N, C-alpha and C. Protein backbone atom coordinates (compact mmCIF):
# COMPACT_ATOMS: atom_id res chain seq x y z
N MET A 1 -161.05 -34.47 -62.04
CA MET A 1 -160.48 -35.26 -60.98
C MET A 1 -160.15 -34.32 -59.81
N ILE A 2 -160.43 -34.76 -58.62
CA ILE A 2 -160.19 -33.95 -57.43
C ILE A 2 -158.98 -34.52 -56.69
N TYR A 3 -158.04 -33.64 -56.36
CA TYR A 3 -156.87 -34.04 -55.59
C TYR A 3 -156.97 -33.43 -54.21
N LEU A 4 -156.70 -34.23 -53.21
CA LEU A 4 -156.71 -33.76 -51.84
C LEU A 4 -155.30 -33.82 -51.28
N LYS A 5 -154.92 -32.83 -50.54
CA LYS A 5 -153.63 -32.86 -49.86
C LYS A 5 -153.88 -33.34 -48.44
N LEU A 6 -153.20 -34.40 -48.06
CA LEU A 6 -153.39 -34.96 -46.73
C LEU A 6 -152.54 -34.23 -45.71
N GLN A 7 -153.10 -34.02 -44.55
CA GLN A 7 -152.34 -33.42 -43.46
C GLN A 7 -151.36 -34.45 -42.91
N ALA A 8 -150.23 -33.99 -42.42
CA ALA A 8 -149.16 -34.88 -41.98
C ALA A 8 -149.61 -35.91 -40.94
N GLU A 9 -150.48 -35.53 -40.06
CA GLU A 9 -150.91 -36.43 -38.99
C GLU A 9 -152.28 -37.06 -39.24
N SER A 10 -152.84 -36.90 -40.40
CA SER A 10 -154.18 -37.43 -40.66
C SER A 10 -154.14 -38.95 -40.83
N ASP A 11 -155.30 -39.57 -40.66
CA ASP A 11 -155.40 -41.02 -40.84
C ASP A 11 -155.02 -41.41 -42.26
N GLY A 12 -155.40 -40.58 -43.23
CA GLY A 12 -155.06 -40.86 -44.63
C GLY A 12 -153.57 -40.84 -44.87
N ALA A 13 -152.86 -39.89 -44.26
CA ALA A 13 -151.41 -39.80 -44.41
C ALA A 13 -150.74 -41.01 -43.77
N LYS A 14 -151.24 -41.41 -42.60
CA LYS A 14 -150.69 -42.59 -41.92
C LYS A 14 -150.92 -43.84 -42.76
N LEU A 15 -152.09 -43.90 -43.39
CA LEU A 15 -152.40 -45.03 -44.25
C LEU A 15 -151.47 -45.07 -45.46
N GLU A 16 -151.20 -43.91 -46.04
CA GLU A 16 -150.27 -43.84 -47.18
C GLU A 16 -148.88 -44.29 -46.78
N GLU A 17 -148.42 -43.85 -45.61
CA GLU A 17 -147.10 -44.26 -45.12
C GLU A 17 -147.05 -45.77 -44.91
N ARG A 18 -148.09 -46.31 -44.32
CA ARG A 18 -148.16 -47.76 -44.10
C ARG A 18 -148.16 -48.51 -45.43
N ASN A 19 -148.92 -47.99 -46.39
CA ASN A 19 -148.97 -48.58 -47.72
C ASN A 19 -147.59 -48.59 -48.37
N GLU A 20 -146.83 -47.51 -48.22
CA GLU A 20 -145.48 -47.42 -48.78
C GLU A 20 -144.55 -48.43 -48.12
N ARG A 21 -144.67 -48.60 -46.80
CA ARG A 21 -143.85 -49.59 -46.10
C ARG A 21 -144.17 -51.00 -46.58
N ILE A 22 -145.45 -51.27 -46.78
CA ILE A 22 -145.88 -52.59 -47.26
C ILE A 22 -145.34 -52.83 -48.68
N LYS A 23 -145.41 -51.82 -49.53
CA LYS A 23 -144.88 -51.95 -50.89
C LYS A 23 -143.39 -52.24 -50.88
N ALA A 24 -142.65 -51.54 -50.00
CA ALA A 24 -141.21 -51.75 -49.90
C ALA A 24 -140.91 -53.17 -49.42
N LYS A 25 -141.67 -53.65 -48.44
CA LYS A 25 -141.48 -55.01 -47.91
C LYS A 25 -141.79 -56.05 -48.99
N LEU A 26 -142.85 -55.81 -49.75
CA LEU A 26 -143.22 -56.71 -50.84
C LEU A 26 -142.12 -56.77 -51.89
N LEU A 27 -141.55 -55.63 -52.24
CA LEU A 27 -140.45 -55.59 -53.20
C LEU A 27 -139.25 -56.37 -52.68
N GLU A 28 -138.94 -56.19 -51.40
CA GLU A 28 -137.82 -56.91 -50.78
C GLU A 28 -138.07 -58.42 -50.83
N LYS A 29 -139.28 -58.85 -50.49
CA LYS A 29 -139.61 -60.28 -50.51
C LYS A 29 -139.56 -60.84 -51.93
N THR A 30 -140.01 -60.05 -52.90
CA THR A 30 -139.96 -60.48 -54.30
C THR A 30 -138.51 -60.67 -54.75
N GLU A 31 -137.64 -59.75 -54.36
CA GLU A 31 -136.22 -59.87 -54.70
C GLU A 31 -135.60 -61.08 -54.04
N GLN A 32 -135.96 -61.34 -52.78
CA GLN A 32 -135.46 -62.52 -52.08
C GLN A 32 -135.91 -63.80 -52.77
N LYS A 33 -137.15 -63.83 -53.22
CA LYS A 33 -137.68 -65.01 -53.92
C LYS A 33 -136.90 -65.25 -55.22
N ILE A 34 -136.59 -64.19 -55.94
CA ILE A 34 -135.82 -64.32 -57.18
C ILE A 34 -134.43 -64.88 -56.87
N GLN A 35 -133.79 -64.38 -55.82
CA GLN A 35 -132.48 -64.89 -55.42
C GLN A 35 -132.56 -66.36 -55.01
N LEU A 36 -133.63 -66.72 -54.31
CA LEU A 36 -133.82 -68.11 -53.89
C LEU A 36 -133.98 -69.02 -55.09
N VAL A 37 -134.78 -68.62 -56.06
CA VAL A 37 -134.98 -69.42 -57.27
C VAL A 37 -133.65 -69.60 -58.00
N ARG A 38 -132.87 -68.53 -58.08
CA ARG A 38 -131.55 -68.62 -58.73
C ARG A 38 -130.63 -69.59 -57.99
N LEU A 39 -130.63 -69.50 -56.67
CA LEU A 39 -129.80 -70.39 -55.86
C LEU A 39 -130.21 -71.84 -56.07
N VAL A 40 -131.49 -72.11 -55.97
CA VAL A 40 -131.99 -73.48 -56.13
C VAL A 40 -131.65 -74.01 -57.52
N SER A 41 -131.70 -73.16 -58.52
CA SER A 41 -131.43 -73.61 -59.89
C SER A 41 -129.97 -74.01 -60.10
N THR A 42 -129.08 -73.62 -59.19
CA THR A 42 -127.67 -74.01 -59.34
C THR A 42 -127.43 -75.45 -58.90
N PHE A 43 -128.38 -76.02 -58.19
CA PHE A 43 -128.26 -77.41 -57.74
C PHE A 43 -128.93 -78.33 -58.76
N LYS A 44 -128.48 -79.56 -58.81
CA LYS A 44 -129.01 -80.54 -59.77
C LYS A 44 -129.53 -81.77 -59.03
N GLY A 45 -130.29 -82.56 -59.74
CA GLY A 45 -130.76 -83.85 -59.24
C GLY A 45 -131.57 -83.75 -57.96
N LEU A 46 -131.30 -84.66 -57.04
CA LEU A 46 -132.05 -84.74 -55.79
C LEU A 46 -131.89 -83.45 -54.98
N ASP A 47 -130.69 -82.89 -54.99
CA ASP A 47 -130.45 -81.65 -54.25
C ASP A 47 -131.41 -80.56 -54.71
N HIS A 48 -131.52 -80.41 -56.01
CA HIS A 48 -132.43 -79.41 -56.59
C HIS A 48 -133.88 -79.69 -56.18
N LYS A 49 -134.27 -80.94 -56.27
CA LYS A 49 -135.66 -81.30 -55.94
C LYS A 49 -135.98 -81.01 -54.48
N VAL A 50 -135.07 -81.35 -53.59
CA VAL A 50 -135.29 -81.13 -52.15
C VAL A 50 -135.42 -79.64 -51.87
N LEU A 51 -134.50 -78.85 -52.40
CA LEU A 51 -134.53 -77.40 -52.15
C LEU A 51 -135.78 -76.76 -52.77
N LYS A 52 -136.14 -77.17 -53.97
CA LYS A 52 -137.30 -76.59 -54.63
C LYS A 52 -138.59 -76.91 -53.86
N LEU A 53 -138.76 -78.18 -53.52
CA LEU A 53 -139.98 -78.57 -52.81
C LEU A 53 -140.07 -77.91 -51.44
N LYS A 54 -138.94 -77.80 -50.76
CA LYS A 54 -138.93 -77.22 -49.41
C LYS A 54 -139.11 -75.70 -49.45
N TYR A 55 -138.30 -75.01 -50.23
CA TYR A 55 -138.26 -73.55 -50.14
C TYR A 55 -139.09 -72.80 -51.18
N ILE A 56 -139.34 -73.40 -52.30
CA ILE A 56 -140.14 -72.72 -53.32
C ILE A 56 -141.59 -73.18 -53.25
N ASP A 57 -141.78 -74.50 -53.15
CA ASP A 57 -143.15 -75.03 -53.09
C ASP A 57 -143.72 -75.04 -51.67
N GLY A 58 -142.83 -74.90 -50.66
CA GLY A 58 -143.29 -74.79 -49.28
C GLY A 58 -143.66 -76.09 -48.59
N LEU A 59 -143.19 -77.22 -49.11
CA LEU A 59 -143.50 -78.50 -48.47
C LEU A 59 -142.61 -78.73 -47.25
N SER A 60 -143.12 -79.48 -46.31
CA SER A 60 -142.29 -79.89 -45.17
C SER A 60 -141.30 -80.94 -45.68
N LEU A 61 -140.28 -81.23 -44.87
CA LEU A 61 -139.32 -82.26 -45.28
C LEU A 61 -139.99 -83.63 -45.35
N GLU A 62 -140.96 -83.87 -44.48
CA GLU A 62 -141.68 -85.14 -44.50
C GLU A 62 -142.48 -85.29 -45.81
N LYS A 63 -143.17 -84.23 -46.20
CA LYS A 63 -143.93 -84.27 -47.46
C LYS A 63 -143.00 -84.36 -48.66
N THR A 64 -141.86 -83.70 -48.56
CA THR A 64 -140.85 -83.77 -49.63
C THR A 64 -140.37 -85.20 -49.80
N ALA A 65 -140.09 -85.86 -48.68
CA ALA A 65 -139.64 -87.26 -48.72
C ALA A 65 -140.71 -88.14 -49.35
N GLU A 66 -141.94 -87.93 -48.94
CA GLU A 66 -143.07 -88.70 -49.47
C GLU A 66 -143.19 -88.51 -50.98
N LYS A 67 -143.12 -87.28 -51.41
CA LYS A 67 -143.28 -86.96 -52.83
C LYS A 67 -142.14 -87.55 -53.68
N LEU A 68 -140.94 -87.59 -53.10
CA LEU A 68 -139.76 -88.09 -53.84
C LEU A 68 -139.51 -89.58 -53.62
N ASN A 69 -140.36 -90.22 -52.81
CA ASN A 69 -140.21 -91.65 -52.50
C ASN A 69 -138.88 -91.99 -51.82
N TYR A 70 -138.51 -91.15 -50.88
CA TYR A 70 -137.34 -91.40 -50.04
C TYR A 70 -137.81 -91.44 -48.59
N SER A 71 -136.97 -91.99 -47.72
CA SER A 71 -137.31 -91.98 -46.31
C SER A 71 -137.17 -90.56 -45.78
N SER A 72 -137.94 -90.28 -44.75
CA SER A 72 -137.90 -88.96 -44.13
C SER A 72 -136.50 -88.67 -43.58
N SER A 73 -135.88 -89.68 -42.98
CA SER A 73 -134.54 -89.47 -42.41
C SER A 73 -133.51 -89.15 -43.49
N HIS A 74 -133.62 -89.80 -44.64
CA HIS A 74 -132.69 -89.52 -45.74
C HIS A 74 -132.84 -88.07 -46.22
N ILE A 75 -134.05 -87.61 -46.37
CA ILE A 75 -134.29 -86.25 -46.85
C ILE A 75 -133.86 -85.23 -45.80
N LYS A 76 -134.06 -85.53 -44.53
CA LYS A 76 -133.61 -84.62 -43.47
C LYS A 76 -132.09 -84.51 -43.46
N LYS A 77 -131.41 -85.64 -43.65
CA LYS A 77 -129.94 -85.61 -43.73
C LYS A 77 -129.48 -84.85 -44.96
N LYS A 78 -130.13 -85.09 -46.09
CA LYS A 78 -129.79 -84.41 -47.34
C LYS A 78 -129.99 -82.90 -47.17
N HIS A 79 -131.11 -82.52 -46.56
CA HIS A 79 -131.40 -81.10 -46.34
C HIS A 79 -130.33 -80.46 -45.44
N ALA A 80 -129.97 -81.12 -44.37
CA ALA A 80 -128.93 -80.60 -43.46
C ALA A 80 -127.61 -80.42 -44.20
N GLU A 81 -127.28 -81.38 -45.05
CA GLU A 81 -126.06 -81.30 -45.87
C GLU A 81 -126.13 -80.09 -46.82
N LEU A 82 -127.27 -79.90 -47.43
CA LEU A 82 -127.44 -78.77 -48.35
C LEU A 82 -127.34 -77.43 -47.63
N VAL A 83 -127.94 -77.35 -46.45
CA VAL A 83 -127.87 -76.11 -45.67
C VAL A 83 -126.41 -75.81 -45.31
N ARG A 84 -125.67 -76.82 -44.89
CA ARG A 84 -124.24 -76.62 -44.58
C ARG A 84 -123.48 -76.16 -45.82
N THR A 85 -123.78 -76.74 -46.96
CA THR A 85 -123.11 -76.35 -48.21
C THR A 85 -123.40 -74.90 -48.55
N ILE A 86 -124.65 -74.51 -48.44
CA ILE A 86 -125.04 -73.14 -48.76
C ILE A 86 -124.39 -72.16 -47.80
N LYS A 87 -124.37 -72.49 -46.51
CA LYS A 87 -123.72 -71.61 -45.52
C LYS A 87 -122.23 -71.48 -45.82
N PHE A 88 -121.58 -72.59 -46.19
CA PHE A 88 -120.15 -72.54 -46.53
C PHE A 88 -119.90 -71.62 -47.72
N ILE A 89 -120.74 -71.75 -48.73
CA ILE A 89 -120.60 -70.91 -49.93
C ILE A 89 -120.78 -69.43 -49.57
N GLU A 90 -121.79 -69.13 -48.74
CA GLU A 90 -122.04 -67.75 -48.33
C GLU A 90 -120.87 -67.20 -47.53
N GLU A 91 -120.32 -68.00 -46.61
CA GLU A 91 -119.17 -67.56 -45.82
C GLU A 91 -117.96 -67.35 -46.73
N PHE A 92 -117.77 -68.22 -47.70
CA PHE A 92 -116.66 -68.10 -48.63
C PHE A 92 -116.77 -66.81 -49.42
N LYS A 93 -117.99 -66.46 -49.85
CA LYS A 93 -118.21 -65.22 -50.59
C LYS A 93 -117.83 -64.01 -49.76
N VAL A 94 -118.17 -64.03 -48.46
CA VAL A 94 -117.84 -62.92 -47.57
C VAL A 94 -116.33 -62.79 -47.44
N ILE A 95 -115.65 -63.90 -47.23
CA ILE A 95 -114.20 -63.89 -47.12
C ILE A 95 -113.57 -63.38 -48.41
N GLU A 96 -114.11 -63.84 -49.53
CA GLU A 96 -113.59 -63.43 -50.85
C GLU A 96 -113.75 -61.91 -51.04
N LEU A 97 -114.87 -61.36 -50.60
CA LEU A 97 -115.12 -59.93 -50.73
C LEU A 97 -114.16 -59.10 -49.87
N LYS A 98 -113.78 -59.64 -48.72
CA LYS A 98 -112.86 -58.93 -47.83
C LYS A 98 -111.44 -58.86 -48.39
N ASN A 99 -111.08 -59.84 -49.21
CA ASN A 99 -109.70 -59.88 -49.73
C ASN A 99 -109.56 -59.08 -50.96
């Protein structure tokens, strides 16, 4: 096997650096996905279904409503309510950590 040492400014070295940045970004996104799945799993019933279809399966709110046989306006209101709930929980966690 032949090993080559890349020069600091070579195209190969730049490619390796870029590859490392991409790997780090991929790891970060994978961790975020795991956190998202955990968060969604804490909700039950319709709340769980809306969050899963929207954020894990990637459906629009309109497609989510269609799939769940609800009106689009109902699902949009439900989603807005869920987002407010999640933001409240996140803010509460920050306050709790400060105390």
